Amino acid sequence: MGWQKSTGYTCRALVEASISRFKRVIGDSLRSRVDRRRANEVAVAIYAVNRMLELGRPKSIRIA
């Protein structure tokens, strides 16, 4: 649809889906209280979500 392209709706929907996926898998809040530990917690969580997405994607190879 034209309005979706002009407003950037598709990109926004993809970002919202990513945030929703992260919260469903990892949780809604951080457990650490120190900023450095929070940064590590987020980094590990993002790595885990990205790894799960990577494992779920098919590996395509060209045959002909």
PDB file of N, CA and C in Angstrom:
ATOM      1  N   MET A   1       0.833  -1.170   0.000  1.00  0.00           N
ATOM      2  CA  MET A   1       0.000   0.000   0.000  1.00  0.00           C
ATOM      3  C   MET A   1       0.883   1.241   0.000  1.00  0.00           C
ATOM      4  N   GLY A   2       0.391   2.270  -0.623  1.00  0.00           N
ATOM      5  CA  GLY A   2       1.165   3.493  -0.759  1.00  0.00           C
ATOM      6  C   GLY A   2       1.434   4.210   0.553  1.00  0.00           C
ATOM      7  N   TRP A   3       0.443   4.236   1.436  1.00  0.00           N
ATOM      8  CA  TRP A   3       0.631   4.955   2.695  1.00  0.00           C
ATOM      9  C   TRP A   3       1.674   4.285   3.576  1.00  0.00           C
ATOM     10  N   GLN A   4       1.813   2.957   3.469  1.00  0.00           N
ATOM     11  CA  GLN A   4       2.809   2.257   4.274  1.00  0.00           C
ATOM     12  C   GLN A   4       4.223   2.642   3.853  1.00  0.00           C
ATOM     13  N   LYS A   5       4.443   2.739   2.544  1.00  0.00           N
ATOM     14  CA  LYS A   5       5.764   3.136   2.065  1.00  0.00           C
ATOM     15  C   LYS A   5       6.065   4.582   2.405  1.00  0.00           C
ATOM     16  N   SER A   6       5.080   5.448   2.279  1.00  0.00           N
ATOM     17  CA  SER A   6       5.326   6.875   2.514  1.00  0.00           C
ATOM     18  C   SER A   6       5.545   7.197   3.991  1.00  0.00           C
ATOM     19  N   THR A   7       4.975   6.403   4.888  1.00  0.00           N
ATOM     20  CA  THR A   7       5.127   6.685   6.315  1.00  0.00           C
ATOM     21  C   THR A   7       6.200   5.833   6.980  1.00  0.00           C
ATOM     22  N   GLY A   8       6.740   4.842   6.278  1.00  0.00           N
ATOM     23  CA  GLY A   8       7.743   3.972   6.882  1.00  0.00           C
ATOM     24  C   GLY A   8       7.141   2.946   7.819  1.00  0.00           C
ATOM     25  N   TYR A   9       5.881   2.610   7.604  1.00  0.00           N
ATOM     26  CA  TYR A   9       5.164   1.701   8.498  1.00  0.00           C
ATOM     27  C   TYR A   9       5.804   0.319   8.547  1.00  0.00           C
ATOM     28  N   THR A  10       6.249  -0.182   7.425  1.00  0.00           N
ATOM     29  CA  THR A  10       6.814  -1.529   7.371  1.00  0.00           C
ATOM     30  C   THR A  10       8.051  -1.637   8.246  1.00  0.00           C
ATOM     31  N   CYS A  11       8.927  -0.656   8.157  1.00  0.00           N
ATOM     32  CA  CYS A  11      10.144  -0.652   8.970  1.00  0.00           C
ATOM     33  C   CYS A  11       9.791  -0.598  10.454  1.00  0.00           C
ATOM     34  N   ARG A  12       8.836   0.234  10.796  1.00  0.00           N
ATOM     35  CA  ARG A  12       8.411   0.366  12.187  1.00  0.00           C
ATOM     36  C   ARG A  12       7.833  -0.950  12.701  1.00  0.00           C
ATOM     37  N   ALA A  13       7.042  -1.615  11.887  1.00  0.00           N
ATOM     38  CA  ALA A  13       6.446  -2.886  12.294  1.00  0.00           C
ATOM     39  C   ALA A  13       7.522  -3.942  12.524  1.00  0.00           C
ATOM     40  N   LEU A  14       8.558  -3.953  11.691  1.00  0.00           N
ATOM     41  CA  LEU A  14       9.653  -4.911  11.864  1.00  0.00           C
ATOM     42  C   LEU A  14      10.415  -4.652  13.164  1.00  0.00           C
ATOM     43  N   VAL A  15      10.639  -3.390  13.479  1.00  0.00           N
ATOM     44  CA  VAL A  15      11.332  -3.039  14.720  1.00  0.00           C
ATOM     45  C   VAL A  15      10.488  -3.443  15.923  1.00  0.00           C
ATOM     46  N   GLU A  16       9.200  -3.167  15.882  1.00  0.00           N
ATOM     47  CA  GLU A  16       8.319  -3.537  16.989  1.00  0.00           C
ATOM     48  C   GLU A  16       8.261  -5.053  17.169  1.00  0.00           C
ATOM     49  N   ALA A  17       8.276  -5.795  16.068  1.00  0.00           N
ATOM     50  CA  ALA A  17       8.280  -7.257  16.155  1.00  0.00           C
ATOM     51  C   ALA A  17       9.573  -7.753  16.789  1.00  0.00           C
ATOM     52  N   SER A  18      10.695  -7.119  16.459  1.00  0.00           N
ATOM     53  CA  SER A  18      11.979  -7.510  17.042  1.00  0.00           C
ATOM     54  C   SER A  18      12.007  -7.261  18.543  1.00  0.00           C
ATOM     55  N   ILE A  19      11.506  -6.114  18.965  1.00  0.00           N
ATOM     56  CA  ILE A  19      11.477  -5.798  20.391  1.00  0.00           C
ATOM     57  C   ILE A  19      10.545  -6.758  21.125  1.00  0.00           C
ATOM     58  N   SER A  20       9.417  -7.066  20.526  1.00  0.00           N
ATOM     59  CA  SER A  20       8.477  -8.008  21.133  1.00  0.00           C
ATOM     60  C   SER A  20       9.101  -9.393  21.272  1.00  0.00           C
ATOM     61  N   ARG A  21       9.805  -9.829  20.239  1.00  0.00           N
ATOM     62  CA  ARG A  21      10.473 -11.133  20.277  1.00  0.00           C
ATOM     63  C   ARG A  21      11.506 -11.165  21.397  1.00  0.00           C
ATOM     64  N   PHE A  22      12.292 -10.112  21.506  1.00  0.00           N
ATOM     65  CA  PHE A  22      13.311 -10.025  22.550  1.00  0.00           C
ATOM     66  C   PHE A  22      12.675 -10.129  23.932  1.00  0.00           C
ATOM     67  N   LYS A  23      11.598  -9.378  24.162  1.00  0.00           N
ATOM     68  CA  LYS A  23      10.954  -9.379  25.471  1.00  0.00           C
ATOM     69  C   LYS A  23      10.306 -10.722  25.797  1.00  0.00           C
ATOM     70  N   ARG A  24       9.745 -11.400  24.782  1.00  0.00           N
ATOM     71  CA  ARG A  24       9.139 -12.708  25.023  1.00  0.00           C
ATOM     72  C   ARG A  24      10.194 -13.736  25.401  1.00  0.00           C
ATOM     73  N   VAL A  25      11.339 -13.699  24.729  1.00  0.00           N
ATOM     74  CA  VAL A  25      12.373 -14.708  24.954  1.00  0.00           C
ATOM     75  C   VAL A  25      13.177 -14.406  26.213  1.00  0.00           C
ATOM     76  N   ILE A  26      13.620 -13.181  26.377  1.00  0.00           N
ATOM     77  CA  ILE A  26      14.538 -12.825  27.453  1.00  0.00           C
ATOM     78  C   ILE A  26      13.808 -12.351  28.704  1.00  0.00           C
ATOM     79  N   GLY A  27      12.785 -11.583  28.549  1.00  0.00           N
ATOM     80  CA  GLY A  27      12.068 -11.042  29.700  1.00  0.00           C
ATOM     81  C   GLY A  27      11.918  -9.541  29.572  1.00  0.00           C
ATOM     82  N   ASP A  28      11.139  -8.977  30.446  1.00  0.00           N
ATOM     83  CA  ASP A  28      10.783  -7.565  30.340  1.00  0.00           C
ATOM     84  C   ASP A  28      11.733  -6.640  31.089  1.00  0.00           C
ATOM     85  N   SER A  29      12.534  -7.164  32.008  1.00  0.00           N
ATOM     86  CA  SER A  29      13.384  -6.286  32.811  1.00  0.00           C
ATOM     87  C   SER A  29      14.777  -6.879  32.972  1.00  0.00           C
ATOM     88  N   LEU A  30      15.707  -6.022  33.375  1.00  0.00           N
ATOM     89  CA  LEU A  30      17.073  -6.457  33.653  1.00  0.00           C
ATOM     90  C   LEU A  30      17.191  -6.790  35.131  1.00  0.00           C
ATOM     91  N   ARG A  31      18.032  -7.752  35.461  1.00  0.00           N
ATOM     92  CA  ARG A  31      18.182  -8.162  36.852  1.00  0.00           C
ATOM     93  C   ARG A  31      19.334  -7.442  37.545  1.00  0.00           C
ATOM     94  N   SER A  32      20.334  -7.053  36.774  1.00  0.00           N
ATOM     95  CA  SER A  32      21.513  -6.407  37.349  1.00  0.00           C
ATOM     96  C   SER A  32      21.200  -4.976  37.773  1.00  0.00           C
ATOM     97  N   ARG A  33      21.970  -4.503  38.755  1.00  0.00           N
ATOM     98  CA  ARG A  33      21.757  -3.144  39.246  1.00  0.00           C
ATOM     99  C   ARG A  33      22.886  -2.198  38.840  1.00  0.00           C
ATOM    100  N   VAL A  34      24.027  -2.747  38.460  1.00  0.00           N
ATOM    101  CA  VAL A  34      25.190  -1.943  38.075  1.00  0.00           C
ATOM    102  C   VAL A  34      25.197  -1.797  36.552  1.00  0.00           C
ATOM    103  N   ASP A  35      25.523  -0.596  36.067  1.00  0.00           N
ATOM    104  CA  ASP A  35      25.450  -0.319  34.628  1.00  0.00           C
ATOM    105  C   ASP A  35      26.313  -1.254  33.788  1.00  0.00           C
ATOM    106  N   ARG A  36      27.545  -1.522  34.226  1.00  0.00           N
ATOM    107  CA  ARG A  36      28.415  -2.418  33.444  1.00  0.00           C
ATOM    108  C   ARG A  36      27.821  -3.815  33.339  1.00  0.00           C
ATOM    109  N   ARG A  37      27.256  -4.277  34.417  1.00  0.00           N
ATOM    110  CA  ARG A  37      26.647  -5.609  34.399  1.00  0.00           C
ATOM    111  C   ARG A  37      25.381  -5.624  33.550  1.00  0.00           C
ATOM    112  N   ARG A  38      24.640  -4.522  33.569  1.00  0.00           N
ATOM    113  CA  ARG A  38      23.452  -4.418  32.716  1.00  0.00           C
ATOM    114  C   ARG A  38      23.840  -4.483  31.249  1.00  0.00           C
ATOM    115  N   ALA A  39      24.932  -3.789  30.901  1.00  0.00           N
ATOM    116  CA  ALA A  39      25.409  -3.815  29.517  1.00  0.00           C
ATOM    117  C   ALA A  39      25.794  -5.231  29.114  1.00  0.00           C
ATOM    118  N   ASN A  40      26.467  -5.951  30.008  1.00  0.00           N
ATOM    119  CA  ASN A  40      26.819  -7.348  29.726  1.00  0.00           C
ATOM    120  C   ASN A  40      25.581  -8.218  29.599  1.00  0.00           C
ATOM    121  N   GLU A  41      24.613  -7.988  30.454  1.00  0.00           N
ATOM    122  CA  GLU A  41      23.373  -8.762  30.416  1.00  0.00           C
ATOM    123  C   GLU A  41      22.644  -8.562  29.085  1.00  0.00           C
ATOM    124  N   VAL A  42      22.585  -7.322  28.632  1.00  0.00           N
ATOM    125  CA  VAL A  42      21.935  -7.028  27.351  1.00  0.00           C
ATOM    126  C   VAL A  42      22.716  -7.653  26.202  1.00  0.00           C
ATOM    127  N   ALA A  43      24.049  -7.567  26.241  1.00  0.00           N
ATOM    128  CA  ALA A  43      24.874  -8.139  25.173  1.00  0.00           C
ATOM    129  C   ALA A  43      24.673  -9.649  25.070  1.00  0.00           C
ATOM    130  N   VAL A  44      24.632 -10.327  26.195  1.00  0.00           N
ATOM    131  CA  VAL A  44      24.421 -11.782  26.191  1.00  0.00           C
ATOM    132  C   VAL A  44      23.022 -12.113  25.684  1.00  0.00           C
ATOM    133  N   ALA A  45      22.035 -11.338  26.098  1.00  0.00           N
ATOM    134  CA  ALA A  45      20.659 -11.578  25.659  1.00  0.00           C
ATOM    135  C   ALA A  45      20.527 -11.383  24.156  1.00  0.00           C
ATOM    136  N   ILE A  46      21.140 -10.330  23.623  1.00  0.00           N
ATOM    137  CA  ILE A  46      21.073 -10.081  22.184  1.00  0.00           C
ATOM    138  C   ILE A  46      21.778 -11.185  21.419  1.00  0.00           C
ATOM    139  N   TYR A  47      22.916 -11.639  21.935  1.00  0.00           N
ATOM    140  CA  TYR A  47      23.622 -12.744  21.285  1.00  0.00           C
ATOM    141  C   TYR A  47      22.734 -13.990  21.247  1.00  0.00           C
ATOM    142  N   ALA A  48      22.051 -14.272  22.350  1.00  0.00           N
ATOM    143  CA  ALA A  48      21.196 -15.459  22.413  1.00  0.00           C
ATOM    144  C   ALA A  48      20.039 -15.367  21.417  1.00  0.00           C
ATOM    145  N   VAL A  49      19.394 -14.213  21.337  1.00  0.00           N
ATOM    146  CA  VAL A  49      18.273 -14.043  20.403  1.00  0.00           C
ATOM    147  C   VAL A  49      18.765 -14.153  18.962  1.00  0.00           C
ATOM    148  N   ASN A  50      19.891 -13.501  18.654  1.00  0.00           N
ATOM    149  CA  ASN A  50      20.437 -13.577  17.296  1.00  0.00           C
ATOM    150  C   ASN A  50      20.822 -15.003  16.929  1.00  0.00           C
ATOM    151  N   ARG A  51      21.377 -15.738  17.874  1.00  0.00           N
ATOM    152  CA  ARG A  51      21.759 -17.139  17.614  1.00  0.00           C
ATOM    153  C   ARG A  51      20.516 -17.990  17.355  1.00  0.00           C
ATOM    154  N   MET A  52      19.453 -17.767  18.114  1.00  0.00           N
ATOM    155  CA  MET A  52      18.218 -18.520  17.897  1.00  0.00           C
ATOM    156  C   MET A  52      17.635 -18.212  16.525  1.00  0.00           C
ATOM    157  N   LEU A  53      17.684 -16.941  16.121  1.00  0.00           N
ATOM    158  CA  LEU A  53      17.195 -16.576  14.791  1.00  0.00           C
ATOM    159  C   LEU A  53      18.050 -17.217  13.702  1.00  0.00           C
ATOM    160  N   GLU A  54      19.357 -17.231  13.916  1.00  0.00           N
ATOM    161  CA  GLU A  54      20.269 -17.832  12.941  1.00  0.00           C
ATOM    162  C   GLU A  54      19.996 -19.328  12.782  1.00  0.00           C
ATOM    163  N   LEU A  55      19.754 -20.006  13.883  1.00  0.00           N
ATOM    164  CA  LEU A  55      19.484 -21.444  13.822  1.00  0.00           C
ATOM    165  C   LEU A  55      18.144 -21.740  13.158  1.00  0.00           C
ATOM    166  N   GLY A  56      17.224 -20.798  13.201  1.00  0.00           N
ATOM    167  CA  GLY A  56      15.909 -21.001  12.608  1.00  0.00           C
ATOM    168  C   GLY A  56      15.838 -20.715  11.119  1.00  0.00           C
ATOM    169  N   ARG A  57      16.868 -20.065  10.572  1.00  0.00           N
ATOM    170  CA  ARG A  57      16.870 -19.731   9.142  1.00  0.00           C
ATOM    171  C   ARG A  57      17.374 -20.907   8.325  1.00  0.00           C
ATOM    172  N   PRO A  58      16.759 -21.147   7.181  1.00  0.00           N
ATOM    173  CA  PRO A  58      17.264 -22.211   6.308  1.00  0.00           C
ATOM    174  C   PRO A  58      18.562 -21.780   5.638  1.00  0.00           C
ATOM    175  N   LYS A  59      19.442 -22.745   5.408  1.00  0.00           N
ATOM    176  CA  LYS A  59      20.682 -22.473   4.688  1.00  0.00           C
ATOM    177  C   LYS A  59      20.475 -22.902   3.249  1.00  0.00           C
ATOM    178  N   SER A  60      20.367 -21.931   2.381  1.00  0.00           N
ATOM    179  CA  SER A  60      20.090 -22.199   0.972  1.00  0.00           C
ATOM    180  C   SER A  60      21.387 -22.291   0.191  1.00  0.00           C
ATOM    181  N   ILE A  61      21.418 -23.237  -0.728  1.00  0.00           N
ATOM    182  CA  ILE A  61      22.552 -23.343  -1.638  1.00  0.00           C
ATOM    183  C   ILE A  61      22.020 -23.403  -3.055  1.00  0.00           C
ATOM    184  N   ARG A  62      22.771 -22.829  -3.966  1.00  0.00           N
ATOM    185  CA  ARG A  62      22.356 -22.800  -5.357  1.00  0.00           C
ATOM    186  C   ARG A  62      22.684 -24.137  -6.007  1.00  0.00           C
ATOM    187  N   ILE A  63      21.710 -24.714  -6.692  1.00  0.00           N
ATOM    188  CA  ILE A  63      21.904 -26.015  -7.325  1.00  0.00           C
ATOM    189  C   ILE A  63      22.274 -25.857  -8.789  1.00  0.00           C
ATOM    190  N   ALA A  64      21.575 -25.011  -9.495  1.00  0.00           N
ATOM    191  CA  ALA A  64      21.862 -24.875 -10.927  1.00  0.00           C
ATOM    192  C   ALA A  64      22.208 -23.464 -11.295  1.00  0.00           C
TER     193      ALA A  64
END
